[in-house]
Amino acid sequence: DEKKNSQELGEKWKRGIPVEVLPLAFKICMREICKQLGGDIVLREGTEKIGPVLTDNGNFIIDWRFDTETKNRNWSDINKTLKSIPGVVETGLFINMVTKAYFGGSDGKVDIKENKNIKV
């Protein structure tokens, strides 16, 4: 999606980073993320049904909207911090997992960005 192609995370995509959390711990997770990392947290609500979005494992998704004014964040450390919070199952950060990203445009063209820092 060309709307996600940017120089800095959060530059264009404003919905935040999805974080999968255990249902019984979502309030604690929301509070801890704000306390440790700042920003704003919302529980993702379903569009076609009443209540929060559920993952395939029955967990909730919360969206962490971080301060976009802070540049050059260490996303690897942030990912570790998020995952260290009890109740957090997974994050939407894919740290050192891909060597290329493909962005499809509305005109049918594809823009490819490479990460040369990853050894395969």
PDB file of N, CA and C in Angstrom:
ATOM      1  N   ASP A   1       0.856  -1.177   0.000  1.00  0.00           N
ATOM      2  CA  ASP A   1       0.000   0.000   0.000  1.00  0.00           C
ATOM      3  C   ASP A   1       0.899   1.237   0.000  1.00  0.00           C
ATOM      4  N   GLU A   2       0.797   2.052  -1.014  1.00  0.00           N
ATOM      5  CA  GLU A   2       1.670   3.223  -1.163  1.00  0.00           C
ATOM      6  C   GLU A   2       1.522   4.229  -0.021  1.00  0.00           C
ATOM      7  N   LYS A   3       0.408   4.187   0.701  1.00  0.00           N
ATOM      8  CA  LYS A   3       0.210   5.119   1.822  1.00  0.00           C
ATOM      9  C   LYS A   3       1.154   4.814   2.985  1.00  0.00           C
ATOM     10  N   LYS A   4       1.719   3.626   3.005  1.00  0.00           N
ATOM     11  CA  LYS A   4       2.616   3.234   4.095  1.00  0.00           C
ATOM     12  C   LYS A   4       4.092   3.476   3.761  1.00  0.00           C
ATOM     13  N   ASN A   5       4.391   3.888   2.538  1.00  0.00           N
ATOM     14  CA  ASN A   5       5.768   4.127   2.112  1.00  0.00           C
ATOM     15  C   ASN A   5       6.239   5.479   2.637  1.00  0.00           C
ATOM     16  N   SER A   6       7.211   5.464   3.555  1.00  0.00           N
ATOM     17  CA  SER A   6       7.681   6.713   4.166  1.00  0.00           C
ATOM     18  C   SER A   6       9.126   6.557   4.633  1.00  0.00           C
ATOM     19  N   GLN A   7       9.744   7.657   5.001  1.00  0.00           N
ATOM     20  CA  GLN A   7      11.110   7.643   5.523  1.00  0.00           C
ATOM     21  C   GLN A   7      11.138   7.256   6.999  1.00  0.00           C
ATOM     22  N   GLU A   8      10.150   7.701   7.751  1.00  0.00           N
ATOM     23  CA  GLU A   8      10.067   7.434   9.194  1.00  0.00           C
ATOM     24  C   GLU A   8       8.762   6.708   9.500  1.00  0.00           C
ATOM     25  N   LEU A   9       8.812   5.756  10.401  1.00  0.00           N
ATOM     26  CA  LEU A   9       7.612   5.045  10.828  1.00  0.00           C
ATOM     27  C   LEU A   9       6.631   6.037  11.444  1.00  0.00           C
ATOM     28  N   GLY A  10       5.395   6.008  10.993  1.00  0.00           N
ATOM     29  CA  GLY A  10       4.377   6.913  11.514  1.00  0.00           C
ATOM     30  C   GLY A  10       4.253   8.215  10.753  1.00  0.00           C
ATOM     31  N   GLU A  11       5.104   8.410   9.761  1.00  0.00           N
ATOM     32  CA  GLU A  11       5.070   9.642   8.969  1.00  0.00           C
ATOM     33  C   GLU A  11       3.758   9.774   8.201  1.00  0.00           C
ATOM     34  N   LYS A  12       3.297   8.679   7.602  1.00  0.00           N
ATOM     35  CA  LYS A  12       2.052   8.696   6.828  1.00  0.00           C
ATOM     36  C   LYS A  12       0.958   7.858   7.481  1.00  0.00           C
ATOM     37  N   TRP A  13       1.330   6.714   8.005  1.00  0.00           N
ATOM     38  CA  TRP A  13       0.366   5.803   8.640  1.00  0.00           C
ATOM     39  C   TRP A  13       0.102   6.297  10.049  1.00  0.00           C
ATOM     40  N   LYS A  14      -1.097   6.790  10.307  1.00  0.00           N
ATOM     41  CA  LYS A  14      -1.403   7.452  11.585  1.00  0.00           C
ATOM     42  C   LYS A  14      -2.175   6.589  12.575  1.00  0.00           C
ATOM     43  N   ARG A  15      -2.484   5.356  12.208  1.00  0.00           N
ATOM     44  CA  ARG A  15      -3.283   4.503  13.100  1.00  0.00           C
ATOM     45  C   ARG A  15      -2.475   3.911  14.245  1.00  0.00           C
ATOM     46  N   GLY A  16      -1.174   3.971  14.154  1.00  0.00           N
ATOM     47  CA  GLY A  16      -0.335   3.444  15.221  1.00  0.00           C
ATOM     48  C   GLY A  16       0.154   2.040  14.946  1.00  0.00           C
ATOM     49  N   ILE A  17       0.846   1.496  15.917  1.00  0.00           N
ATOM     50  CA  ILE A  17       1.410   0.154  15.818  1.00  0.00           C
ATOM     51  C   ILE A  17       0.474  -0.811  16.531  1.00  0.00           C
ATOM     52  N   PRO A  18       0.037  -1.866  15.828  1.00  0.00           N
ATOM     53  CA  PRO A  18      -0.830  -2.836  16.491  1.00  0.00           C
ATOM     54  C   PRO A  18      -0.050  -3.684  17.490  1.00  0.00           C
ATOM     55  N   VAL A  19      -0.670  -3.915  18.628  1.00  0.00           N
ATOM     56  CA  VAL A  19      -0.078  -4.748  19.674  1.00  0.00           C
ATOM     57  C   VAL A  19      -1.150  -5.751  20.102  1.00  0.00           C
ATOM     58  N   GLU A  20      -0.832  -7.039  19.987  1.00  0.00           N
ATOM     59  CA  GLU A  20      -1.765  -8.092  20.405  1.00  0.00           C
ATOM     60  C   GLU A  20      -1.583  -8.339  21.894  1.00  0.00           C
ATOM     61  N   VAL A  21      -2.694  -8.306  22.624  1.00  0.00           N
ATOM     62  CA  VAL A  21      -2.638  -8.465  24.080  1.00  0.00           C
ATOM     63  C   VAL A  21      -3.691  -9.465  24.557  1.00  0.00           C
ATOM     64  N   LEU A  22      -3.420 -10.063  25.705  1.00  0.00           N
ATOM     65  CA  LEU A  22      -4.395 -10.964  26.319  1.00  0.00           C
ATOM     66  C   LEU A  22      -5.597 -10.149  26.793  1.00  0.00           C
ATOM     67  N   PRO A  23      -6.820 -10.644  26.572  1.00  0.00           N
ATOM     68  CA  PRO A  23      -8.013  -9.884  26.961  1.00  0.00           C
ATOM     69  C   PRO A  23      -8.047  -9.474  28.428  1.00  0.00           C
ATOM     70  N   LEU A  24      -7.616 -10.350  29.319  1.00  0.00           N
ATOM     71  CA  LEU A  24      -7.660 -10.025  30.747  1.00  0.00           C
ATOM     72  C   LEU A  24      -6.622  -8.981  31.152  1.00  0.00           C
ATOM     73  N   ALA A  25      -5.654  -8.727  30.264  1.00  0.00           N
ATOM     74  CA  ALA A  25      -4.563  -7.814  30.615  1.00  0.00           C
ATOM     75  C   ALA A  25      -4.558  -6.535  29.779  1.00  0.00           C
ATOM     76  N   PHE A  26      -5.575  -6.317  28.938  1.00  0.00           N
ATOM     77  CA  PHE A  26      -5.483  -5.200  28.003  1.00  0.00           C
ATOM     78  C   PHE A  26      -5.401  -3.840  28.688  1.00  0.00           C
ATOM     79  N   LYS A  27      -6.120  -3.644  29.788  1.00  0.00           N
ATOM     80  CA  LYS A  27      -6.058  -2.342  30.474  1.00  0.00           C
ATOM     81  C   LYS A  27      -4.686  -2.112  31.100  1.00  0.00           C
ATOM     82  N   ILE A  28      -4.134  -3.143  31.703  1.00  0.00           N
ATOM     83  CA  ILE A  28      -2.800  -3.037  32.298  1.00  0.00           C
ATOM     84  C   ILE A  28      -1.764  -2.782  31.206  1.00  0.00           C
ATOM     85  N   CYS A  29      -1.883  -3.496  30.092  1.00  0.00           N
ATOM     86  CA  CYS A  29      -0.954  -3.300  28.973  1.00  0.00           C
ATOM     87  C   CYS A  29      -1.037  -1.872  28.443  1.00  0.00           C
ATOM     88  N   MET A  30      -2.240  -1.363  28.283  1.00  0.00           N
ATOM     89  CA  MET A  30      -2.414   0.001  27.782  1.00  0.00           C
ATOM     90  C   MET A  30      -1.743   1.005  28.722  1.00  0.00           C
ATOM     91  N   ARG A  31      -1.963   0.818  30.006  1.00  0.00           N
ATOM     92  CA  ARG A  31      -1.381   1.722  31.000  1.00  0.00           C
ATOM     93  C   ARG A  31       0.152   1.634  30.998  1.00  0.00           C
ATOM     94  N   GLU A  32       0.686   0.430  30.941  1.00  0.00           N
ATOM     95  CA  GLU A  32       2.141   0.236  30.978  1.00  0.00           C
ATOM     96  C   GLU A  32       2.824   0.773  29.724  1.00  0.00           C
ATOM     97  N   ILE A  33       2.211   0.590  28.573  1.00  0.00           N
ATOM     98  CA  ILE A  33       2.801   1.103  27.333  1.00  0.00           C
ATOM     99  C   ILE A  33       2.887   2.620  27.389  1.00  0.00           C
ATOM    100  N   CYS A  34       1.814   3.264  27.814  1.00  0.00           N
ATOM    101  CA  CYS A  34       1.828   4.733  27.941  1.00  0.00           C
ATOM    102  C   CYS A  34       2.859   5.180  28.968  1.00  0.00           C
ATOM    103  N   LYS A  35       2.943   4.461  30.074  1.00  0.00           N
ATOM    104  CA  LYS A  35       3.879   4.816  31.146  1.00  0.00           C
ATOM    105  C   LYS A  35       5.333   4.680  30.680  1.00  0.00           C
ATOM    106  N   GLN A  36       5.630   3.590  29.979  1.00  0.00           N
ATOM    107  CA  GLN A  36       7.012   3.318  29.588  1.00  0.00           C
ATOM    108  C   GLN A  36       7.434   4.007  28.293  1.00  0.00           C
ATOM    109  N   LEU A  37       6.489   4.179  27.356  1.00  0.00           N
ATOM    110  CA  LEU A  37       6.860   4.681  26.031  1.00  0.00           C
ATOM    111  C   LEU A  37       6.145   5.961  25.617  1.00  0.00           C
ATOM    112  N   GLY A  38       5.172   6.400  26.418  1.00  0.00           N
ATOM    113  CA  GLY A  38       4.429   7.609  26.055  1.00  0.00           C
ATOM    114  C   GLY A  38       3.427   7.324  24.949  1.00  0.00           C
ATOM    115  N   GLY A  39       2.939   8.376  24.347  1.00  0.00           N
ATOM    116  CA  GLY A  39       1.981   8.226  23.259  1.00  0.00           C
ATOM    117  C   GLY A  39       0.566   8.013  23.747  1.00  0.00           C
ATOM    118  N   ASP A  40      -0.245   7.441  22.875  1.00  0.00           N
ATOM    119  CA  ASP A  40      -1.665   7.228  23.133  1.00  0.00           C
ATOM    120  C   ASP A  40      -2.015   5.805  22.727  1.00  0.00           C
ATOM    121  N   ILE A  41      -2.938   5.193  23.440  1.00  0.00           N
ATOM    122  CA  ILE A  41      -3.341   3.808  23.171  1.00  0.00           C
ATOM    123  C   ILE A  41      -4.852   3.744  23.024  1.00  0.00           C
ATOM    124  N   VAL A  42      -5.310   2.992  22.015  1.00  0.00           N
ATOM    125  CA  VAL A  42      -6.745   2.743  21.876  1.00  0.00           C
ATOM    126  C   VAL A  42      -6.970   1.254  21.639  1.00  0.00           C
ATOM    127  N   LEU A  43      -8.051   0.753  22.191  1.00  0.00           N
ATOM    128  CA  LEU A  43      -8.479  -0.613  21.924  1.00  0.00           C
ATOM    129  C   LEU A  43      -9.150  -0.607  20.562  1.00  0.00           C
ATOM    130  N   ARG A  44      -8.694  -1.458  19.658  1.00  0.00           N
ATOM    131  CA  ARG A  44      -9.265  -1.490  18.311  1.00  0.00           C
ATOM    132  C   ARG A  44     -10.663  -2.102  18.355  1.00  0.00           C
ATOM    133  N   GLU A  45     -11.624  -1.339  17.902  1.00  0.00           N
ATOM    134  CA  GLU A  45     -13.025  -1.777  17.884  1.00  0.00           C
ATOM    135  C   GLU A  45     -13.376  -2.366  16.521  1.00  0.00           C
ATOM    136  N   GLY A  46     -14.247  -3.366  16.530  1.00  0.00           N
ATOM    137  CA  GLY A  46     -14.694  -3.978  15.290  1.00  0.00           C
ATOM    138  C   GLY A  46     -15.578  -3.040  14.490  1.00  0.00           C
ATOM    139  N   THR A  47     -15.554  -3.179  13.173  1.00  0.00           N
ATOM    140  CA  THR A  47     -16.393  -2.335  12.322  1.00  0.00           C
ATOM    141  C   THR A  47     -17.692  -3.038  11.940  1.00  0.00           C
ATOM    142  N   GLU A  48     -17.659  -4.347  11.867  1.00  0.00           N
ATOM    143  CA  GLU A  48     -18.838  -5.109  11.458  1.00  0.00           C
ATOM    144  C   GLU A  48     -19.554  -5.772  12.636  1.00  0.00           C
ATOM    145  N   LYS A  49     -19.018  -5.567  13.843  1.00  0.00           N
ATOM    146  CA  LYS A  49     -19.639  -6.174  15.017  1.00  0.00           C
ATOM    147  C   LYS A  49     -19.402  -5.279  16.224  1.00  0.00           C
ATOM    148  N   ILE A  50     -20.122  -5.554  17.279  1.00  0.00           N
ATOM    149  CA  ILE A  50     -19.950  -4.788  18.512  1.00  0.00           C
ATOM    150  C   ILE A  50     -18.799  -5.398  19.307  1.00  0.00           C
ATOM    151  N   GLY A  51     -17.962  -4.548  19.849  1.00  0.00           N
ATOM    152  CA  GLY A  51     -16.862  -5.013  20.685  1.00  0.00           C
ATOM    153  C   GLY A  51     -15.519  -4.910  20.001  1.00  0.00           C
ATOM    154  N   PRO A  52     -14.481  -5.314  20.721  1.00  0.00           N
ATOM    155  CA  PRO A  52     -13.124  -5.193  20.191  1.00  0.00           C
ATOM    156  C   PRO A  52     -12.824  -6.231  19.109  1.00  0.00           C
ATOM    157  N   VAL A  53     -11.828  -5.917  18.288  1.00  0.00           N
ATOM    158  CA  VAL A  53     -11.335  -6.863  17.292  1.00  0.00           C
ATOM    159  C   VAL A  53     -10.663  -8.017  18.025  1.00  0.00           C
ATOM    160  N   LEU A  54     -10.948  -9.231  17.590  1.00  0.00           N
ATOM    161  CA  LEU A  54     -10.325 -10.422  18.166  1.00  0.00           C
ATOM    162  C   LEU A  54      -9.376 -11.044  17.153  1.00  0.00           C
ATOM    163  N   THR A  55      -8.210 -11.470  17.620  1.00  0.00           N
ATOM    164  CA  THR A  55      -7.278 -12.184  16.753  1.00  0.00           C
ATOM    165  C   THR A  55      -7.753 -13.627  16.607  1.00  0.00           C
ATOM    166  N   ASP A  56      -7.060 -14.394  15.764  1.00  0.00           N
ATOM    167  CA  ASP A  56      -7.390 -15.813  15.608  1.00  0.00           C
ATOM    168  C   ASP A  56      -7.241 -16.578  16.919  1.00  0.00           C
ATOM    169  N   ASN A  57      -6.396 -16.066  17.810  1.00  0.00           N
ATOM    170  CA  ASN A  57      -6.184 -16.713  19.108  1.00  0.00           C
ATOM    171  C   ASN A  57      -7.100 -16.177  20.200  1.00  0.00           C
ATOM    172  N   GLY A  58      -8.047 -15.306  19.835  1.00  0.00           N
ATOM    173  CA  GLY A  58      -8.987 -14.767  20.806  1.00  0.00           C
ATOM    174  C   GLY A  58      -8.450 -13.608  21.626  1.00  0.00           C
ATOM    175  N   ASN A  59      -7.352 -13.011  21.176  1.00  0.00           N
ATOM    176  CA  ASN A  59      -6.762 -11.880  21.891  1.00  0.00           C
ATOM    177  C   ASN A  59      -7.256 -10.556  21.315  1.00  0.00           C
ATOM    178  N   PHE A  60      -6.992  -9.462  22.023  1.00  0.00           N
ATOM    179  CA  PHE A  60      -7.374  -8.116  21.586  1.00  0.00           C
ATOM    180  C   PHE A  60      -6.209  -7.456  20.853  1.00  0.00           C
ATOM    181  N   ILE A  61      -6.549  -6.474  20.037  1.00  0.00           N
ATOM    182  CA  ILE A  61      -5.552  -5.628  19.382  1.00  0.00           C
ATOM    183  C   ILE A  61      -5.702  -4.224  19.951  1.00  0.00           C
ATOM    184  N   ILE A  62      -4.588  -3.680  20.427  1.00  0.00           N
ATOM    185  CA  ILE A  62      -4.574  -2.273  20.816  1.00  0.00           C
ATOM    186  C   ILE A  62      -3.619  -1.561  19.863  1.00  0.00           C
ATOM    187  N   ASP A  63      -3.911  -0.312  19.564  1.00  0.00           N
ATOM    188  CA  ASP A  63      -3.078   0.467  18.655  1.00  0.00           C
ATOM    189  C   ASP A  63      -2.336   1.532  19.440  1.00  0.00           C
ATOM    190  N   TRP A  64      -1.001   1.470  19.381  1.00  0.00           N
ATOM    191  CA  TRP A  64      -0.151   2.437  20.074  1.00  0.00           C
ATOM    192  C   TRP A  64       0.225   3.542  19.104  1.00  0.00           C
ATOM    193  N   ARG A  65      -0.262   4.741  19.390  1.00  0.00           N
ATOM    194  CA  ARG A  65       0.081   5.920  18.585  1.00  0.00           C
ATOM    195  C   ARG A  65       1.181   6.667  19.323  1.00  0.00           C
ATOM    196  N   PHE A  66       2.368   6.573  18.793  1.00  0.00           N
ATOM    197  CA  PHE A  66       3.545   7.165  19.425  1.00  0.00           C
ATOM    198  C   PHE A  66       3.752   8.599  18.945  1.00  0.00           C
ATOM    199  N   ASP A  67       4.610   9.312  19.647  1.00  0.00           N
ATOM    200  CA  ASP A  67       4.951  10.689  19.300  1.00  0.00           C
ATOM    201  C   ASP A  67       5.770  10.680  18.013  1.00  0.00           C
ATOM    202  N   THR A  68       5.219  11.209  16.927  1.00  0.00           N
ATOM    203  CA  THR A  68       5.913  11.197  15.637  1.00  0.00           C
ATOM    204  C   THR A  68       6.956  12.299  15.515  1.00  0.00           C
ATOM    205  N   GLU A  69       7.007  13.199  16.487  1.00  0.00           N
ATOM    206  CA  GLU A  69       8.012  14.268  16.454  1.00  0.00           C
ATOM    207  C   GLU A  69       9.405  13.736  16.799  1.00  0.00           C
ATOM    208  N   THR A  70       9.468  12.658  17.571  1.00  0.00           N
ATOM    209  CA  THR A  70      10.755  12.065  17.936  1.00  0.00           C
ATOM    210  C   THR A  70      11.252  11.232  16.765  1.00  0.00           C
ATOM    211  N   LYS A  71      12.405  11.606  16.227  1.00  0.00           N
ATOM    212  CA  LYS A  71      12.971  10.907  15.066  1.00  0.00           C
ATOM    213  C   LYS A  71      14.056   9.929  15.515  1.00  0.00           C
ATOM    214  N   ASN A  72      14.395   9.020  14.603  1.00  0.00           N
ATOM    215  CA  ASN A  72      15.481   8.051  14.802  1.00  0.00           C
ATOM    216  C   ASN A  72      15.330   7.223  16.071  1.00  0.00           C
ATOM    217  N   ARG A  73      14.139   6.715  16.292  1.00  0.00           N
ATOM    218  CA  ARG A  73      13.905   5.833  17.439  1.00  0.00           C
ATOM    219  C   ARG A  73      14.615   4.496  17.214  1.00  0.00           C
ATOM    220  N   ASN A  74      14.945   3.824  18.289  1.00  0.00           N
ATOM    221  CA  ASN A  74      15.505   2.485  18.203  1.00  0.00           C
ATOM    222  C   ASN A  74      14.333   1.503  18.293  1.00  0.00           C
ATOM    223  N   TRP A  75      13.805   1.125  17.127  1.00  0.00           N
ATOM    224  CA  TRP A  75      12.597   0.300  17.086  1.00  0.00           C
ATOM    225  C   TRP A  75      12.840  -1.103  17.631  1.00  0.00           C
ATOM    226  N   SER A  76      14.056  -1.586  17.542  1.00  0.00           N
ATOM    227  CA  SER A  76      14.367  -2.893  18.114  1.00  0.00           C
ATOM    228  C   SER A  76      14.212  -2.862  19.635  1.00  0.00           C
ATOM    229  N   ASP A  77      14.720  -1.812  20.268  1.00  0.00           N
ATOM    230  CA  ASP A  77      14.567  -1.667  21.724  1.00  0.00           C
ATOM    231  C   ASP A  77      13.106  -1.462  22.114  1.00  0.00           C
ATOM    232  N   ILE A  78      12.385  -0.688  21.315  1.00  0.00           N
ATOM    233  CA  ILE A  78      10.961  -0.453  21.594  1.00  0.00           C
ATOM    234  C   ILE A  78      10.187  -1.762  21.496  1.00  0.00           C
ATOM    235  N   ASN A  79      10.502  -2.574  20.486  1.00  0.00           N
ATOM    236  CA  ASN A  79       9.843  -3.864  20.331  1.00  0.00           C
ATOM    237  C   ASN A  79      10.115  -4.756  21.543  1.00  0.00           C
ATOM    238  N   LYS A  80      11.352  -4.765  22.021  1.00  0.00           N
ATOM    239  CA  LYS A  80      11.707  -5.554  23.212  1.00  0.00           C
ATOM    240  C   LYS A  80      10.959  -5.047  24.441  1.00  0.00           C
ATOM    241  N   THR A  81      10.851  -3.725  24.569  1.00  0.00           N
ATOM    242  CA  THR A  81      10.117  -3.143  25.700  1.00  0.00           C
ATOM    243  C   THR A  81       8.657  -3.559  25.655  1.00  0.00           C
ATOM    244  N   LEU A  82       8.039  -3.452  24.485  1.00  0.00           N
ATOM    245  CA  LEU A  82       6.630  -3.844  24.345  1.00  0.00           C
ATOM    246  C   LEU A  82       6.441  -5.311  24.718  1.00  0.00           C
ATOM    247  N   LYS A  83       7.299  -6.180  24.193  1.00  0.00           N
ATOM    248  CA  LYS A  83       7.156  -7.615  24.440  1.00  0.00           C
ATOM    249  C   LYS A  83       7.475  -8.008  25.878  1.00  0.00           C
ATOM    250  N   SER A  84       8.165  -7.131  26.607  1.00  0.00           N
ATOM    251  CA  SER A  84       8.486  -7.434  28.008  1.00  0.00           C
ATOM    252  C   SER A  84       7.336  -7.110  28.953  1.00  0.00           C
ATOM    253  N   ILE A  85       6.314  -6.429  28.448  1.00  0.00           N
ATOM    254  CA  ILE A  85       5.160  -6.071  29.278  1.00  0.00           C
ATOM    255  C   ILE A  85       4.257  -7.300  29.419  1.00  0.00           C
ATOM    256  N   PRO A  86       3.995  -7.744  30.649  1.00  0.00           N
ATOM    257  CA  PRO A  86       3.128  -8.908  30.844  1.00  0.00           C
ATOM    258  C   PRO A  86       1.763  -8.698  30.191  1.00  0.00           C
ATOM    259  N   GLY A  87       1.348  -9.677  29.402  1.00  0.00           N
ATOM    260  CA  GLY A  87       0.074  -9.601  28.699  1.00  0.00           C
ATOM    261  C   GLY A  87       0.223  -9.289  27.225  1.00  0.00           C
ATOM    262  N   VAL A  88       1.374  -8.747  26.823  1.00  0.00           N
ATOM    263  CA  VAL A  88       1.623  -8.489  25.400  1.00  0.00           C
ATOM    264  C   VAL A  88       2.031  -9.801  24.748  1.00  0.00           C
ATOM    265  N   VAL A  89       1.330 -10.155  23.674  1.00  0.00           N
ATOM    266  CA  VAL A  89       1.599 -11.399  22.958  1.00  0.00           C
ATOM    267  C   VAL A  89       2.541 -11.149  21.784  1.00  0.00           C
ATOM    268  N   GLU A  90       2.256 -10.104  21.001  1.00  0.00           N
ATOM    269  CA  GLU A  90       3.036  -9.812  19.799  1.00  0.00           C
ATOM    270  C   GLU A  90       2.840  -8.362  19.413  1.00  0.00           C
ATOM    271  N   THR A  91       3.739  -7.849  18.572  1.00  0.00           N
ATOM    272  CA  THR A  91       3.613  -6.478  18.080  1.00  0.00           C
ATOM    273  C   THR A  91       3.562  -6.484  16.558  1.00  0.00           C
ATOM    274  N   GLY A  92       3.192  -5.359  15.997  1.00  0.00           N
ATOM    275  CA  GLY A  92       3.175  -5.192  14.548  1.00  0.00           C
ATOM    276  C   GLY A  92       4.494  -4.681  14.006  1.00  0.00           C
ATOM    277  N   LEU A  93       5.529  -4.710  14.825  1.00  0.00           N
ATOM    278  CA  LEU A  93       6.862  -4.317  14.363  1.00  0.00           C
ATOM    279  C   LEU A  93       7.579  -5.568  13.857  1.00  0.00           C
ATOM    280  N   PHE A  94       8.075  -5.511  12.655  1.00  0.00           N
ATOM    281  CA  PHE A  94       8.771  -6.652  12.059  1.00  0.00           C
ATOM    282  C   PHE A  94      10.252  -6.300  11.965  1.00  0.00           C
ATOM    283  N   ILE A  95      10.961  -6.474  13.072  1.00  0.00           N
ATOM    284  CA  ILE A  95      12.347  -6.052  13.205  1.00  0.00           C
ATOM    285  C   ILE A  95      13.278  -7.094  12.584  1.00  0.00           C
ATOM    286  N   ASN A  96      14.092  -6.644  11.629  1.00  0.00           N
ATOM    287  CA  ASN A  96      15.088  -7.491  10.956  1.00  0.00           C
ATOM    288  C   ASN A  96      14.502  -8.792  10.413  1.00  0.00           C
ATOM    289  N   MET A  97      13.300  -8.707   9.870  1.00  0.00           N
ATOM    290  CA  MET A  97      12.653  -9.905   9.338  1.00  0.00           C
ATOM    291  C   MET A  97      12.607  -9.928   7.813  1.00  0.00           C
ATOM    292  N   VAL A  98      12.763  -8.774   7.180  1.00  0.00           N
ATOM    293  CA  VAL A  98      12.646  -8.726   5.722  1.00  0.00           C
ATOM    294  C   VAL A  98      13.825  -7.972   5.114  1.00  0.00           C
ATOM    295  N   THR A  99      14.155  -8.345   3.884  1.00  0.00           N
ATOM    296  CA  THR A  99      15.205  -7.635   3.159  1.00  0.00           C
ATOM    297  C   THR A  99      14.622  -6.659   2.150  1.00  0.00           C
ATOM    298  N   LYS A 100      13.351  -6.862   1.795  1.00  0.00           N
ATOM    299  CA  LYS A 100      12.697  -5.975   0.830  1.00  0.00           C
ATOM    300  C   LYS A 100      11.261  -5.698   1.253  1.00  0.00           C
ATOM    301  N   ALA A 101      10.788  -4.505   0.892  1.00  0.00           N
ATOM    302  CA  ALA A 101       9.380  -4.149   1.093  1.00  0.00           C
ATOM    303  C   ALA A 101       8.831  -3.686  -0.247  1.00  0.00           C
ATOM    304  N   TYR A 102       7.648  -4.138  -0.574  1.00  0.00           N
ATOM    305  CA  TYR A 102       7.008  -3.803  -1.843  1.00  0.00           C
ATOM    306  C   TYR A 102       5.796  -2.927  -1.561  1.00  0.00           C
ATOM    307  N   PHE A 103       5.717  -1.793  -2.256  1.00  0.00           N
ATOM    308  CA  PHE A 103       4.613  -0.857  -2.082  1.00  0.00           C
ATOM    309  C   PHE A 103       3.870  -0.734  -3.403  1.00  0.00           C
ATOM    310  N   GLY A 104       2.644  -1.259  -3.432  1.00  0.00           N
ATOM    311  CA  GLY A 104       1.831  -1.187  -4.639  1.00  0.00           C
ATOM    312  C   GLY A 104       1.124   0.146  -4.741  1.00  0.00           C
ATOM    313  N   GLY A 105       1.221   0.767  -5.911  1.00  0.00           N
ATOM    314  CA  GLY A 105       0.577   2.053  -6.137  1.00  0.00           C
ATOM    315  C   GLY A 105      -0.784   1.898  -6.778  1.00  0.00           C
ATOM    316  N   SER A 106      -1.592   2.924  -6.681  1.00  0.00           N
ATOM    317  CA  SER A 106      -2.932   2.887  -7.277  1.00  0.00           C
ATOM    318  C   SER A 106      -2.854   2.826  -8.800  1.00  0.00           C
ATOM    319  N   ASP A 107      -1.693   3.210  -9.360  1.00  0.00           N
ATOM    320  CA  ASP A 107      -1.501   3.157 -10.808  1.00  0.00           C
ATOM    321  C   ASP A 107      -0.975   1.803 -11.271  1.00  0.00           C
ATOM    322  N   GLY A 108      -0.795   0.858 -10.346  1.00  0.00           N
ATOM    323  CA  GLY A 108      -0.323  -0.475 -10.687  1.00  0.00           C
ATOM    324  C   GLY A 108       1.184  -0.648 -10.583  1.00  0.00           C
ATOM    325  N   LYS A 109       1.914   0.428 -10.386  1.00  0.00           N
ATOM    326  CA  LYS A 109       3.371   0.339 -10.258  1.00  0.00           C
ATOM    327  C   LYS A 109       3.736  -0.134  -8.852  1.00  0.00           C
ATOM    328  N   VAL A 110       4.896  -0.769  -8.753  1.00  0.00           N
ATOM    329  CA  VAL A 110       5.372  -1.274  -7.468  1.00  0.00           C
ATOM    330  C   VAL A 110       6.725  -0.634  -7.156  1.00  0.00           C
ATOM    331  N   ASP A 111       6.828  -0.015  -5.985  1.00  0.00           N
ATOM    332  CA  ASP A 111       8.074   0.572  -5.502  1.00  0.00           C
ATOM    333  C   ASP A 111       8.699  -0.424  -4.531  1.00  0.00           C
ATOM    334  N   ILE A 112       9.993  -0.711  -4.721  1.00  0.00           N
ATOM    335  CA  ILE A 112      10.688  -1.684  -3.877  1.00  0.00           C
ATOM    336  C   ILE A 112      11.746  -0.961  -3.053  1.00  0.00           C
ATOM    337  N   LYS A 113      11.726  -1.195  -1.745  1.00  0.00           N
ATOM    338  CA  LYS A 113      12.764  -0.662  -0.852  1.00  0.00           C
ATOM    339  C   LYS A 113      13.532  -1.844  -0.281  1.00  0.00           C
ATOM    340  N   GLU A 114      14.857  -1.722  -0.268  1.00  0.00           N
ATOM    341  CA  GLU A 114      15.702  -2.799   0.243  1.00  0.00           C
ATOM    342  C   GLU A 114      16.365  -2.410   1.553  1.00  0.00           C
ATOM    343  N   ASN A 115      16.498  -3.392   2.432  1.00  0.00           N
ATOM    344  CA  ASN A 115      17.228  -3.225   3.688  1.00  0.00           C
ATOM    345  C   ASN A 115      18.511  -4.031   3.555  1.00  0.00           C
ATOM    346  N   LYS A 116      19.602  -3.348   3.304  1.00  0.00           N
ATOM    347  CA  LYS A 116      20.881  -4.027   3.088  1.00  0.00           C
ATOM    348  C   LYS A 116      21.577  -4.391   4.401  1.00  0.00           C
ATOM    349  N   ASN A 117      20.990  -4.018   5.534  1.00  0.00           N
ATOM    350  CA  ASN A 117      21.591  -4.315   6.834  1.00  0.00           C
ATOM    351  C   ASN A 117      21.304  -5.724   7.322  1.00  0.00           C
ATOM    352  N   ILE A 118      20.390  -6.422   6.653  1.00  0.00           N
ATOM    353  CA  ILE A 118      20.014  -7.769   7.089  1.00  0.00           C
ATOM    354  C   ILE A 118      20.832  -8.793   6.318  1.00  0.00           C
ATOM    355  N   LYS A 119      21.442  -9.710   7.038  1.00  0.00           N
ATOM    356  CA  LYS A 119      22.214 -10.798   6.431  1.00  0.00           C
ATOM    357  C   LYS A 119      21.296 -12.005   6.279  1.00  0.00           C
ATOM    358  N   VAL A 120      21.235 -12.547   5.048  1.00  0.00           N
ATOM    359  CA  VAL A 120      20.405 -13.736   4.818  1.00  0.00           C
ATOM    360  C   VAL A 120      21.247 -14.958   4.593  1.00  0.00           C
TER     361      VAL A 120
END
